[in-house]
PDB file of all heavy atoms in Angstrom:
ATOM      1  N   TRP A   1      -4.923   1.193  -8.574  1.00  0.00           N
ATOM      2  CA  TRP A   1      -5.069  -0.180  -8.115  1.00  0.00           C
ATOM      3  C   TRP A   1      -5.343  -1.132  -9.269  1.00  0.00           C
ATOM      4  O   TRP A   1      -4.843  -2.275  -9.258  1.00  0.00           O
ATOM      5  CB  TRP A   1      -6.137  -0.290  -7.024  1.00  0.00           C
ATOM      6  CG  TRP A   1      -7.587  -0.292  -7.446  1.00  0.00           C
ATOM      7  CD1 TRP A   1      -8.434   0.785  -7.444  1.00  0.00           C
ATOM      8  CD2 TRP A   1      -8.368  -1.408  -7.880  1.00  0.00           C
ATOM      9  NE1 TRP A   1      -9.679   0.403  -7.869  1.00  0.00           N
ATOM     10  CE2 TRP A   1      -9.675  -0.930  -8.130  1.00  0.00           C
ATOM     11  CE3 TRP A   1      -8.102  -2.763  -8.076  1.00  0.00           C
ATOM     12  CZ2 TRP A   1     -10.702  -1.753  -8.582  1.00  0.00           C
ATOM     13  CZ3 TRP A   1      -9.126  -3.593  -8.534  1.00  0.00           C
ATOM     14  CH2 TRP A   1     -10.397  -3.092  -8.786  1.00  0.00           C
ATOM     15  N   ARG A   2      -6.071  -0.677 -10.273  1.00  0.00           N
ATOM     16  CA  ARG A   2      -6.360  -1.528 -11.427  1.00  0.00           C
ATOM     17  C   ARG A   2      -5.096  -1.809 -12.229  1.00  0.00           C
ATOM     18  O   ARG A   2      -4.828  -2.956 -12.630  1.00  0.00           O
ATOM     19  CB  ARG A   2      -7.437  -0.883 -12.300  1.00  0.00           C
ATOM     20  CG  ARG A   2      -8.780  -0.749 -11.610  1.00  0.00           C
ATOM     21  CD  ARG A   2      -9.804   0.048 -12.439  1.00  0.00           C
ATOM     22  NE  ARG A   2     -11.035   0.253 -11.687  1.00  0.00           N
ATOM     23  CZ  ARG A   2     -12.008  -0.612 -11.570  1.00  0.00           C
ATOM     24  NH1 ARG A   2     -11.912  -1.788 -12.216  1.00  0.00           N
ATOM     25  NH2 ARG A   2     -13.088  -0.351 -10.859  1.00  0.00           N
ATOM     26  N   ASP A   3      -4.299  -0.755 -12.452  1.00  0.00           N
ATOM     27  CA  ASP A   3      -3.078  -0.941 -13.233  1.00  0.00           C
ATOM     28  C   ASP A   3      -2.029  -1.721 -12.456  1.00  0.00           C
ATOM     29  O   ASP A   3      -1.280  -2.521 -13.032  1.00  0.00           O
ATOM     30  CB  ASP A   3      -2.527   0.413 -13.670  1.00  0.00           C
ATOM     31  CG  ASP A   3      -1.512   0.280 -14.806  1.00  0.00           C
ATOM     32  OD1 ASP A   3      -1.717  -0.586 -15.686  1.00  0.00           O
ATOM     33  OD2 ASP A   3      -0.526   1.038 -14.834  1.00  0.00           O
ATOM     34  N   LEU A   4      -1.944  -1.520 -11.152  1.00  0.00           N
ATOM     35  CA  LEU A   4      -1.003  -2.291 -10.342  1.00  0.00           C
ATOM     36  C   LEU A   4      -1.309  -3.793 -10.435  1.00  0.00           C
ATOM     37  O   LEU A   4      -0.390  -4.613 -10.584  1.00  0.00           O
ATOM     38  CB  LEU A   4      -1.055  -1.837  -8.883  1.00  0.00           C
ATOM     39  CG  LEU A   4      -0.403  -0.488  -8.577  1.00  0.00           C
ATOM     40  CD1 LEU A   4      -0.807  -0.004  -7.190  1.00  0.00           C
ATOM     41  CD2 LEU A   4       1.115  -0.558  -8.676  1.00  0.00           C
ATOM     42  N   LEU A   5      -2.580  -4.157 -10.339  1.00  0.00           N
ATOM     43  CA  LEU A   5      -2.945  -5.568 -10.470  1.00  0.00           C
ATOM     44  C   LEU A   5      -2.693  -6.056 -11.886  1.00  0.00           C
ATOM     45  O   LEU A   5      -2.267  -7.205 -12.081  1.00  0.00           O
ATOM     46  CB  LEU A   5      -4.412  -5.781 -10.080  1.00  0.00           C
ATOM     47  CG  LEU A   5      -4.749  -5.598  -8.593  1.00  0.00           C
ATOM     48  CD1 LEU A   5      -6.207  -5.977  -8.334  1.00  0.00           C
ATOM     49  CD2 LEU A   5      -3.834  -6.430  -7.704  1.00  0.00           C
ATOM     50  N   TYR A   6      -2.952  -5.214 -12.884  1.00  0.00           N
ATOM     51  CA  TYR A   6      -2.685  -5.597 -14.272  1.00  0.00           C
ATOM     52  C   TYR A   6      -1.196  -5.905 -14.468  1.00  0.00           C
ATOM     53  O   TYR A   6      -0.837  -6.907 -15.087  1.00  0.00           O
ATOM     54  CB  TYR A   6      -3.126  -4.476 -15.206  1.00  0.00           C
ATOM     55  CG  TYR A   6      -2.754  -4.684 -16.658  1.00  0.00           C
ATOM     56  CD1 TYR A   6      -3.389  -5.641 -17.435  1.00  0.00           C
ATOM     57  CD2 TYR A   6      -1.738  -3.914 -17.256  1.00  0.00           C
ATOM     58  CE1 TYR A   6      -3.041  -5.831 -18.767  1.00  0.00           C
ATOM     59  CE2 TYR A   6      -1.394  -4.090 -18.588  1.00  0.00           C
ATOM     60  CZ  TYR A   6      -2.042  -5.056 -19.330  1.00  0.00           C
ATOM     61  OH  TYR A   6      -1.689  -5.244 -20.646  1.00  0.00           O
ATOM     62  N   ILE A   7      -0.332  -5.060 -13.921  1.00  0.00           N
ATOM     63  CA  ILE A   7       1.109  -5.272 -14.041  1.00  0.00           C
ATOM     64  C   ILE A   7       1.523  -6.542 -13.307  1.00  0.00           C
ATOM     65  O   ILE A   7       2.288  -7.363 -13.833  1.00  0.00           O
ATOM     66  CB  ILE A   7       1.880  -4.054 -13.505  1.00  0.00           C
ATOM     67  CG1 ILE A   7       1.622  -2.829 -14.389  1.00  0.00           C
ATOM     68  CG2 ILE A   7       3.375  -4.351 -13.433  1.00  0.00           C
ATOM     69  CD1 ILE A   7       2.158  -1.528 -13.818  1.00  0.00           C
ATOM     70  N   ALA A   8       1.022  -6.730 -12.087  1.00  0.00           N
ATOM     71  CA  ALA A   8       1.402  -7.890 -11.275  1.00  0.00           C
ATOM     72  C   ALA A   8       0.901  -9.199 -11.856  1.00  0.00           C
ATOM     73  O   ALA A   8       1.590 -10.226 -11.771  1.00  0.00           O
ATOM     74  CB  ALA A   8       0.878  -7.727  -9.852  1.00  0.00           C
ATOM     75  N   GLU A   9      -0.282  -9.185 -12.465  1.00  0.00           N
ATOM     76  CA  GLU A   9      -0.937 -10.419 -12.888  1.00  0.00           C
ATOM     77  C   GLU A   9      -0.758 -10.725 -14.372  1.00  0.00           C
ATOM     78  O   GLU A   9      -0.803 -11.896 -14.764  1.00  0.00           O
ATOM     79  CB  GLU A   9      -2.436 -10.352 -12.560  1.00  0.00           C
ATOM     80  CG  GLU A   9      -2.713 -10.244 -11.068  1.00  0.00           C
ATOM     81  CD  GLU A   9      -4.192 -10.080 -10.749  1.00  0.00           C
ATOM     82  OE1 GLU A   9      -5.004  -9.936 -11.683  1.00  0.00           O
ATOM     83  OE2 GLU A   9      -4.554 -10.100  -9.548  1.00  0.00           O
ATOM     84  N   GLN A  10      -0.575  -9.706 -15.192  1.00  0.00           N
ATOM     85  CA  GLN A  10      -0.545  -9.914 -16.635  1.00  0.00           C
ATOM     86  C   GLN A  10       0.802  -9.537 -17.263  1.00  0.00           C
ATOM     87  O   GLN A  10       1.376 -10.321 -18.014  1.00  0.00           O
ATOM     88  CB  GLN A  10      -1.663  -9.103 -17.301  1.00  0.00           C
ATOM     89  CG  GLN A  10      -3.069  -9.460 -16.825  1.00  0.00           C
ATOM     90  CD  GLN A  10      -3.560 -10.808 -17.337  1.00  0.00           C
ATOM     91  OE1 GLN A  10      -2.974 -11.396 -18.258  1.00  0.00           O
ATOM     92  NE2 GLN A  10      -4.657 -11.309 -16.765  1.00  0.00           N
ATOM     93  N   VAL A  11       1.299  -8.334 -16.984  1.00  0.00           N
ATOM     94  CA  VAL A  11       2.578  -7.907 -17.548  1.00  0.00           C
ATOM     95  C   VAL A  11       3.709  -8.750 -16.977  1.00  0.00           C
ATOM     96  O   VAL A  11       4.583  -9.232 -17.692  1.00  0.00           O
ATOM     97  CB  VAL A  11       2.826  -6.408 -17.279  1.00  0.00           C
ATOM     98  CG1 VAL A  11       4.190  -5.982 -17.804  1.00  0.00           C
ATOM     99  CG2 VAL A  11       1.716  -5.564 -17.903  1.00  0.00           C
ATOM    100  N   PHE A  12       3.718  -8.900 -15.671  1.00  0.00           N
ATOM    101  CA  PHE A  12       4.616  -9.764 -14.912  1.00  0.00           C
ATOM    102  C   PHE A  12       6.075  -9.499 -15.279  1.00  0.00           C
ATOM    103  O   PHE A  12       6.580  -8.424 -14.981  1.00  0.00           O
ATOM    104  CB  PHE A  12       4.216 -11.225 -15.108  1.00  0.00           C
ATOM    105  CG  PHE A  12       4.848 -12.192 -14.139  1.00  0.00           C
ATOM    106  CD1 PHE A  12       4.908 -11.894 -12.794  1.00  0.00           C
ATOM    107  CD2 PHE A  12       5.381 -13.397 -14.567  1.00  0.00           C
ATOM    108  CE1 PHE A  12       5.480 -12.772 -11.880  1.00  0.00           C
ATOM    109  CE2 PHE A  12       5.960 -14.294 -13.661  1.00  0.00           C
ATOM    110  CZ  PHE A  12       6.012 -13.978 -12.337  1.00  0.00           C
ATOM    111  N   LEU A  13       6.769 -10.410 -15.951  1.00  0.00           N
ATOM    112  CA  LEU A  13       8.195 -10.300 -16.202  1.00  0.00           C
ATOM    113  C   LEU A  13       8.521  -9.894 -17.630  1.00  0.00           C
ATOM    114  O   LEU A  13       9.605 -10.196 -18.139  1.00  0.00           O
ATOM    115  CB  LEU A  13       8.888 -11.626 -15.872  1.00  0.00           C
ATOM    116  CG  LEU A  13       8.809 -12.079 -14.417  1.00  0.00           C
ATOM    117  CD1 LEU A  13       9.557 -13.388 -14.225  1.00  0.00           C
ATOM    118  CD2 LEU A  13       9.348 -11.024 -13.471  1.00  0.00           C
ATOM    119  N   ASP A  14       7.624  -9.213 -18.273  1.00  0.00           N
ATOM    120  CA  ASP A  14       7.886  -8.728 -19.629  1.00  0.00           C
ATOM    121  C   ASP A  14       9.180  -7.910 -19.616  1.00  0.00           C
ATOM    122  O   ASP A  14       9.282  -6.908 -18.919  1.00  0.00           O
ATOM    123  CB  ASP A  14       6.717  -7.856 -20.099  1.00  0.00           C
ATOM    124  CG  ASP A  14       6.832  -7.449 -21.567  1.00  0.00           C
ATOM    125  OD1 ASP A  14       7.949  -7.513 -22.123  1.00  0.00           O
ATOM    126  OD2 ASP A  14       5.809  -7.053 -22.163  1.00  0.00           O
ATOM    127  N   PRO A  15      10.203  -8.336 -20.381  1.00  0.00           N
ATOM    128  CA  PRO A  15      11.487  -7.615 -20.326  1.00  0.00           C
ATOM    129  C   PRO A  15      11.414  -6.206 -20.907  1.00  0.00           C
ATOM    130  O   PRO A  15      12.252  -5.369 -20.586  1.00  0.00           O
ATOM    131  CB  PRO A  15      12.424  -8.499 -21.159  1.00  0.00           C
ATOM    132  CG  PRO A  15      11.537  -9.337 -21.995  1.00  0.00           C
ATOM    133  CD  PRO A  15      10.260  -9.524 -21.249  1.00  0.00           C
ATOM    134  N   LEU A  16      10.426  -5.917 -21.730  1.00  0.00           N
ATOM    135  CA  LEU A  16      10.229  -4.587 -22.299  1.00  0.00           C
ATOM    136  C   LEU A  16       8.779  -4.157 -22.065  1.00  0.00           C
ATOM    137  O   LEU A  16       7.967  -4.145 -22.995  1.00  0.00           O
ATOM    138  CB  LEU A  16      10.563  -4.569 -23.794  1.00  0.00           C
ATOM    139  CG  LEU A  16      12.020  -4.887 -24.157  1.00  0.00           C
ATOM    140  CD1 LEU A  16      12.170  -5.054 -25.660  1.00  0.00           C
ATOM    141  CD2 LEU A  16      12.951  -3.776 -23.650  1.00  0.00           C
ATOM    142  N   PRO A  17       8.451  -3.779 -20.830  1.00  0.00           N
ATOM    143  CA  PRO A  17       7.051  -3.498 -20.488  1.00  0.00           C
ATOM    144  C   PRO A  17       6.607  -2.101 -20.945  1.00  0.00           C
ATOM    145  O   PRO A  17       6.170  -1.266 -20.140  1.00  0.00           O
ATOM    146  CB  PRO A  17       7.039  -3.631 -18.971  1.00  0.00           C
ATOM    147  CG  PRO A  17       8.412  -3.191 -18.562  1.00  0.00           C
ATOM    148  CD  PRO A  17       9.346  -3.627 -19.664  1.00  0.00           C
ATOM    149  N   ALA A  18       6.705  -1.840 -22.234  1.00  0.00           N
ATOM    150  CA  ALA A  18       6.426  -0.504 -22.756  1.00  0.00           C
ATOM    151  C   ALA A  18       4.970  -0.094 -22.572  1.00  0.00           C
ATOM    152  O   ALA A  18       4.655   1.095 -22.524  1.00  0.00           O
ATOM    153  CB  ALA A  18       6.806  -0.431 -24.238  1.00  0.00           C
ATOM    154  N   PHE A  19       4.084  -1.078 -22.469  1.00  0.00           N
ATOM    155  CA  PHE A  19       2.659  -0.771 -22.387  1.00  0.00           C
ATOM    156  C   PHE A  19       2.059  -1.172 -21.038  1.00  0.00           C
ATOM    157  O   PHE A  19       0.876  -1.477 -20.940  1.00  0.00           O
ATOM    158  CB  PHE A  19       1.919  -1.465 -23.533  1.00  0.00           C
ATOM    159  CG  PHE A  19       2.337  -0.977 -24.890  1.00  0.00           C
ATOM    160  CD1 PHE A  19       3.244  -1.698 -25.643  1.00  0.00           C
ATOM    161  CD2 PHE A  19       1.852   0.220 -25.394  1.00  0.00           C
ATOM    162  CE1 PHE A  19       3.653  -1.233 -26.888  1.00  0.00           C
ATOM    163  CE2 PHE A  19       2.249   0.689 -26.635  1.00  0.00           C
ATOM    164  CZ  PHE A  19       3.153  -0.032 -27.382  1.00  0.00           C
ATOM    165  N   LYS A  20       2.897  -1.167 -19.996  1.00  0.00           N
ATOM    166  CA  LYS A  20       2.385  -1.572 -18.682  1.00  0.00           C
ATOM    167  C   LYS A  20       1.412  -0.559 -18.091  1.00  0.00           C
ATOM    168  O   LYS A  20       0.672  -0.882 -17.164  1.00  0.00           O
ATOM    169  CB  LYS A  20       3.540  -1.814 -17.714  1.00  0.00           C
ATOM    170  CG  LYS A  20       4.361  -0.575 -17.361  1.00  0.00           C
ATOM    171  CD  LYS A  20       5.461  -0.933 -16.368  1.00  0.00           C
ATOM    172  CE  LYS A  20       6.301   0.294 -16.005  1.00  0.00           C
ATOM    173  NZ  LYS A  20       7.339  -0.036 -14.982  1.00  0.00           N
ATOM    174  N   TYR A  21       1.420   0.690 -18.595  1.00  0.00           N
ATOM    175  CA  TYR A  21       0.482   1.702 -18.116  1.00  0.00           C
ATOM    176  C   TYR A  21      -0.797   1.744 -18.955  1.00  0.00           C
ATOM    177  O   TYR A  21      -1.566   2.714 -18.867  1.00  0.00           O
ATOM    178  CB  TYR A  21       1.125   3.087 -18.114  1.00  0.00           C
ATOM    179  CG  TYR A  21       2.334   3.218 -17.216  1.00  0.00           C
ATOM    180  CD1 TYR A  21       3.319   4.166 -17.478  1.00  0.00           C
ATOM    181  CD2 TYR A  21       2.497   2.411 -16.089  1.00  0.00           C
ATOM    182  CE1 TYR A  21       4.425   4.310 -16.651  1.00  0.00           C
ATOM    183  CE2 TYR A  21       3.604   2.540 -15.268  1.00  0.00           C
ATOM    184  CZ  TYR A  21       4.571   3.499 -15.567  1.00  0.00           C
ATOM    185  OH  TYR A  21       5.675   3.643 -14.745  1.00  0.00           O
ATOM    186  N   PHE A  22      -1.015   0.693 -19.743  1.00  0.00           N
ATOM    187  CA  PHE A  22      -2.213   0.585 -20.578  1.00  0.00           C
ATOM    188  C   PHE A  22      -3.005  -0.652 -20.150  1.00  0.00           C
ATOM    189  O   PHE A  22      -3.004  -1.658 -20.848  1.00  0.00           O
ATOM    190  CB  PHE A  22      -1.842   0.486 -22.060  1.00  0.00           C
ATOM    191  CG  PHE A  22      -1.172   1.709 -22.617  1.00  0.00           C
ATOM    192  CD1 PHE A  22       0.168   1.953 -22.361  1.00  0.00           C
ATOM    193  CD2 PHE A  22      -1.864   2.605 -23.384  1.00  0.00           C
ATOM    194  CE1 PHE A  22       0.800   3.076 -22.879  1.00  0.00           C
ATOM    195  CE2 PHE A  22      -1.247   3.738 -23.905  1.00  0.00           C
ATOM    196  CZ  PHE A  22       0.090   3.976 -23.646  1.00  0.00           C
ATOM    197  N   PRO A  23      -3.641  -0.611 -18.992  1.00  0.00           N
ATOM    198  CA  PRO A  23      -4.393  -1.794 -18.551  1.00  0.00           C
ATOM    199  C   PRO A  23      -5.493  -2.158 -19.540  1.00  0.00           C
ATOM    200  O   PRO A  23      -6.086  -1.286 -20.190  1.00  0.00           O
ATOM    201  CB  PRO A  23      -4.972  -1.363 -17.199  1.00  0.00           C
ATOM    202  CG  PRO A  23      -4.997   0.137 -17.255  1.00  0.00           C
ATOM    203  CD  PRO A  23      -3.815   0.536 -18.081  1.00  0.00           C
ATOM    204  N   SER A  24      -5.752  -3.426 -19.657  1.00  0.00           N
ATOM    205  CA  SER A  24      -6.771  -3.910 -20.581  1.00  0.00           C
ATOM    206  C   SER A  24      -8.164  -3.496 -20.109  1.00  0.00           C
ATOM    207  O   SER A  24      -8.361  -3.135 -18.944  1.00  0.00           O
ATOM    208  CB  SER A  24      -6.683  -5.431 -20.711  1.00  0.00           C
ATOM    209  OG  SER A  24      -6.986  -6.043 -19.465  1.00  0.00           O
ATOM    210  N   GLN A  25      -9.119  -3.580 -21.020  1.00  0.00           N
ATOM    211  CA  GLN A  25     -10.492  -3.258 -20.672  1.00  0.00           C
ATOM    212  C   GLN A  25     -10.997  -4.161 -19.560  1.00  0.00           C
ATOM    213  O   GLN A  25     -11.827  -3.747 -18.732  1.00  0.00           O
ATOM    214  CB  GLN A  25     -11.395  -3.388 -21.902  1.00  0.00           C
ATOM    215  CG  GLN A  25     -12.809  -2.812 -21.702  1.00  0.00           C
ATOM    216  CD  GLN A  25     -12.791  -1.330 -21.447  1.00  0.00           C
ATOM    217  OE1 GLN A  25     -12.081  -0.566 -22.095  1.00  0.00           O
ATOM    218  NE2 GLN A  25     -13.597  -0.878 -20.468  1.00  0.00           N
ATOM    219  N   GLU A  26     -10.489  -5.386 -19.521  1.00  0.00           N
ATOM    220  CA  GLU A  26     -10.881  -6.320 -18.466  1.00  0.00           C
ATOM    221  C   GLU A  26     -10.592  -5.742 -17.086  1.00  0.00           C
ATOM    222  O   GLU A  26     -11.400  -5.906 -16.156  1.00  0.00           O
ATOM    223  CB  GLU A  26     -10.127  -7.641 -18.641  1.00  0.00           C
ATOM    224  CG  GLU A  26     -10.377  -8.655 -17.533  1.00  0.00           C
ATOM    225  CD  GLU A  26      -9.455  -9.857 -17.615  1.00  0.00           C
ATOM    226  OE1 GLU A  26      -8.618  -9.905 -18.548  1.00  0.00           O
ATOM    227  OE2 GLU A  26      -9.562 -10.746 -16.738  1.00  0.00           O
ATOM    228  N   TYR A  27      -9.459  -5.046 -16.949  1.00  0.00           N
ATOM    229  CA  TYR A  27      -9.097  -4.490 -15.647  1.00  0.00           C
ATOM    230  C   TYR A  27      -9.812  -3.168 -15.376  1.00  0.00           C
ATOM    231  O   TYR A  27     -10.063  -2.828 -14.210  1.00  0.00           O
ATOM    232  CB  TYR A  27      -7.571  -4.343 -15.539  1.00  0.00           C
ATOM    233  CG  TYR A  27      -6.914  -5.654 -15.188  1.00  0.00           C
ATOM    234  CD1 TYR A  27      -6.705  -6.622 -16.155  1.00  0.00           C
ATOM    235  CD2 TYR A  27      -6.557  -5.957 -13.885  1.00  0.00           C
ATOM    236  CE1 TYR A  27      -6.134  -7.847 -15.849  1.00  0.00           C
ATOM    237  CE2 TYR A  27      -5.978  -7.178 -13.556  1.00  0.00           C
ATOM    238  CZ  TYR A  27      -5.776  -8.118 -14.549  1.00  0.00           C
ATOM    239  OH  TYR A  27      -5.219  -9.345 -14.233  1.00  0.00           O
ATOM    240  N   LEU A  28     -10.136  -2.410 -16.412  1.00  0.00           N
ATOM    241  CA  LEU A  28     -10.943  -1.216 -16.203  1.00  0.00           C
ATOM    242  C   LEU A  28     -12.370  -1.583 -15.777  1.00  0.00           C
ATOM    243  O   LEU A  28     -13.029  -0.811 -15.067  1.00  0.00           O
ATOM    244  CB  LEU A  28     -10.977  -0.370 -17.472  1.00  0.00           C
ATOM    245  CG  LEU A  28      -9.643   0.287 -17.873  1.00  0.00           C
ATOM    246  CD1 LEU A  28      -9.784   1.018 -19.200  1.00  0.00           C
ATOM    247  CD2 LEU A  28      -9.150   1.242 -16.788  1.00  0.00           C
ATOM    248  N   ASP A  29     -12.828  -2.747 -16.222  1.00  0.00           N
ATOM    249  CA  ASP A  29     -14.160  -3.229 -15.839  1.00  0.00           C
ATOM    250  C   ASP A  29     -14.124  -4.144 -14.625  1.00  0.00           C
ATOM    251  O   ASP A  29     -15.177  -4.626 -14.187  1.00  0.00           O
ATOM    252  CB  ASP A  29     -14.802  -3.987 -17.006  1.00  0.00           C
ATOM    253  CG  ASP A  29     -15.145  -3.085 -18.176  1.00  0.00           C
ATOM    254  OD1 ASP A  29     -15.299  -1.867 -17.969  1.00  0.00           O
ATOM    255  OD2 ASP A  29     -15.239  -3.603 -19.310  1.00  0.00           O
ATOM    256  N   LEU A  30     -12.926  -4.379 -14.080  1.00  0.00           N
ATOM    257  CA  LEU A  30     -12.799  -5.307 -12.956  1.00  0.00           C
ATOM    258  C   LEU A  30     -13.645  -4.809 -11.788  1.00  0.00           C
ATOM    259  O   LEU A  30     -13.476  -3.684 -11.320  1.00  0.00           O
ATOM    260  CB  LEU A  30     -11.330  -5.399 -12.537  1.00  0.00           C
ATOM    261  CG  LEU A  30     -10.955  -6.499 -11.537  1.00  0.00           C
ATOM    262  CD1 LEU A  30     -11.147  -7.875 -12.164  1.00  0.00           C
ATOM    263  CD2 LEU A  30      -9.490  -6.325 -11.100  1.00  0.00           C
ATOM    264  N   PRO A  31     -14.575  -5.617 -11.292  1.00  0.00           N
ATOM    265  CA  PRO A  31     -15.425  -5.158 -10.187  1.00  0.00           C
ATOM    266  C   PRO A  31     -14.622  -4.898  -8.917  1.00  0.00           C
ATOM    267  O   PRO A  31     -13.841  -5.751  -8.489  1.00  0.00           O
ATOM    268  CB  PRO A  31     -16.411  -6.319  -9.983  1.00  0.00           C
ATOM    269  CG  PRO A  31     -16.352  -7.115 -11.245  1.00  0.00           C
ATOM    270  CD  PRO A  31     -14.952  -6.964 -11.760  1.00  0.00           C
ATOM    271  N   ASN A  32     -14.793  -3.719  -8.352  1.00  0.00           N
ATOM    272  CA  ASN A  32     -14.190  -3.431  -7.057  1.00  0.00           C
ATOM    273  C   ASN A  32     -14.890  -4.277  -5.997  1.00  0.00           C
ATOM    274  O   ASN A  32     -16.120  -4.345  -5.952  1.00  0.00           O
ATOM    275  CB  ASN A  32     -14.324  -1.940  -6.722  1.00  0.00           C
ATOM    276  CG  ASN A  32     -13.526  -1.553  -5.481  1.00  0.00           C
ATOM    277  OD1 ASN A  32     -13.824  -1.995  -4.378  1.00  0.00           O
ATOM    278  ND2 ASN A  32     -12.520  -0.713  -5.655  1.00  0.00           N
ATOM    279  N   SER A  33     -14.108  -4.921  -5.159  1.00  0.00           N
ATOM    280  CA  SER A  33     -14.660  -5.833  -4.151  1.00  0.00           C
ATOM    281  C   SER A  33     -15.513  -5.130  -3.111  1.00  0.00           C
ATOM    282  O   SER A  33     -16.240  -5.788  -2.362  1.00  0.00           O
ATOM    283  CB  SER A  33     -13.528  -6.594  -3.451  1.00  0.00           C
ATOM    284  OG  SER A  33     -12.743  -7.309  -4.386  1.00  0.00           O
ATOM    285  N   TYR A  34     -15.442  -3.778  -3.048  1.00  0.00           N
ATOM    286  CA  TYR A  34     -16.135  -3.031  -2.008  1.00  0.00           C
ATOM    287  C   TYR A  34     -17.080  -1.967  -2.566  1.00  0.00           C
ATOM    288  O   TYR A  34     -17.419  -1.004  -1.888  1.00  0.00           O
ATOM    289  CB  TYR A  34     -15.118  -2.422  -1.049  1.00  0.00           C
ATOM    290  CG  TYR A  34     -14.284  -3.492  -0.385  1.00  0.00           C
ATOM    291  CD1 TYR A  34     -13.083  -3.915  -0.938  1.00  0.00           C
ATOM    292  CD2 TYR A  34     -14.735  -4.138   0.753  1.00  0.00           C
ATOM    293  CE1 TYR A  34     -12.339  -4.927  -0.353  1.00  0.00           C
ATOM    294  CE2 TYR A  34     -13.999  -5.155   1.342  1.00  0.00           C
ATOM    295  CZ  TYR A  34     -12.809  -5.542   0.782  1.00  0.00           C
ATOM    296  OH  TYR A  34     -12.080  -6.555   1.365  1.00  0.00           O
ATOM    297  N   ALA A  35     -17.489  -2.158  -3.816  1.00  0.00           N
ATOM    298  CA  ALA A  35     -18.470  -1.274  -4.448  1.00  0.00           C
ATOM    299  C   ALA A  35     -19.307  -2.107  -5.408  1.00  0.00           C
ATOM    300  O   ALA A  35     -18.867  -3.141  -5.908  1.00  0.00           O
ATOM    301  CB  ALA A  35     -17.792  -0.128  -5.185  1.00  0.00           C
ATOM    302  N   GLY A  36     -20.517  -1.666  -5.681  1.00  0.00           N
ATOM    303  CA  GLY A  36     -21.373  -2.392  -6.602  1.00  0.00           C
ATOM    304  C   GLY A  36     -22.207  -3.459  -5.914  1.00  0.00           C
ATOM    305  O   GLY A  36     -21.937  -3.881  -4.783  1.00  0.00           O
ATOM    306  N   ASP A  37     -23.214  -3.912  -6.636  1.00  0.00           N
ATOM    307  CA  ASP A  37     -24.169  -4.866  -6.064  1.00  0.00           C
ATOM    308  C   ASP A  37     -23.545  -6.217  -5.760  1.00  0.00           C
ATOM    309  O   ASP A  37     -24.065  -6.968  -4.937  1.00  0.00           O
ATOM    310  CB  ASP A  37     -25.355  -5.056  -7.019  1.00  0.00           C
ATOM    311  CG  ASP A  37     -26.176  -3.785  -7.169  1.00  0.00           C
ATOM    312  OD1 ASP A  37     -26.191  -2.964  -6.225  1.00  0.00           O
ATOM    313  OD2 ASP A  37     -26.789  -3.590  -8.249  1.00  0.00           O
ATOM    314  N   GLN A  38     -22.419  -6.541  -6.419  1.00  0.00           N
ATOM    315  CA  GLN A  38     -21.838  -7.877  -6.239  1.00  0.00           C
ATOM    316  C   GLN A  38     -20.966  -7.977  -4.995  1.00  0.00           C
ATOM    317  O   GLN A  38     -20.563  -9.090  -4.598  1.00  0.00           O
ATOM    318  CB  GLN A  38     -20.998  -8.243  -7.482  1.00  0.00           C
ATOM    319  CG  GLN A  38     -19.523  -7.844  -7.450  1.00  0.00           C
ATOM    320  CD  GLN A  38     -19.247  -6.376  -7.330  1.00  0.00           C
ATOM    321  OE1 GLN A  38     -20.047  -5.598  -7.811  1.00  0.00           O
ATOM    322  NE2 GLN A  38     -18.138  -5.949  -6.705  1.00  0.00           N
ATOM    323  N   SER A  39     -20.671  -6.849  -4.338  1.00  0.00           N
ATOM    324  CA  SER A  39     -19.728  -6.839  -3.222  1.00  0.00           C
ATOM    325  C   SER A  39     -20.346  -7.447  -1.969  1.00  0.00           C
ATOM    326  O   SER A  39     -21.514  -7.219  -1.661  1.00  0.00           O
ATOM    327  CB  SER A  39     -19.260  -5.416  -2.935  1.00  0.00           C
ATOM    328  OG  SER A  39     -20.350  -4.585  -2.620  1.00  0.00           O
ATOM    329  N   LYS A  40     -19.543  -8.237  -1.242  1.00  0.00           N
ATOM    330  CA  LYS A  40     -19.986  -8.808   0.024  1.00  0.00           C
ATOM    331  C   LYS A  40     -20.028  -7.752   1.126  1.00  0.00           C
ATOM    332  O   LYS A  40     -20.868  -7.791   2.008  1.00  0.00           O
ATOM    333  CB  LYS A  40     -19.057  -9.958   0.421  1.00  0.00           C
ATOM    334  CG  LYS A  40     -19.138 -11.162  -0.507  1.00  0.00           C
ATOM    335  CD  LYS A  40     -18.226 -12.279  -0.032  1.00  0.00           C
ATOM    336  CE  LYS A  40     -18.319 -13.490  -0.958  1.00  0.00           C
ATOM    337  NZ  LYS A  40     -17.399 -14.586  -0.516  1.00  0.00           N
TER     338      LYS A  40
END
């Protein structure tokens, strides 16, 4: 789910998405909406 959002939101239309399976640290740290103290 983290990499899918990374591809949809950041990689987007990169004509040579060679690194689309390398999500950034921002997405590895992305808070899950249904886990953790911040979740509603």
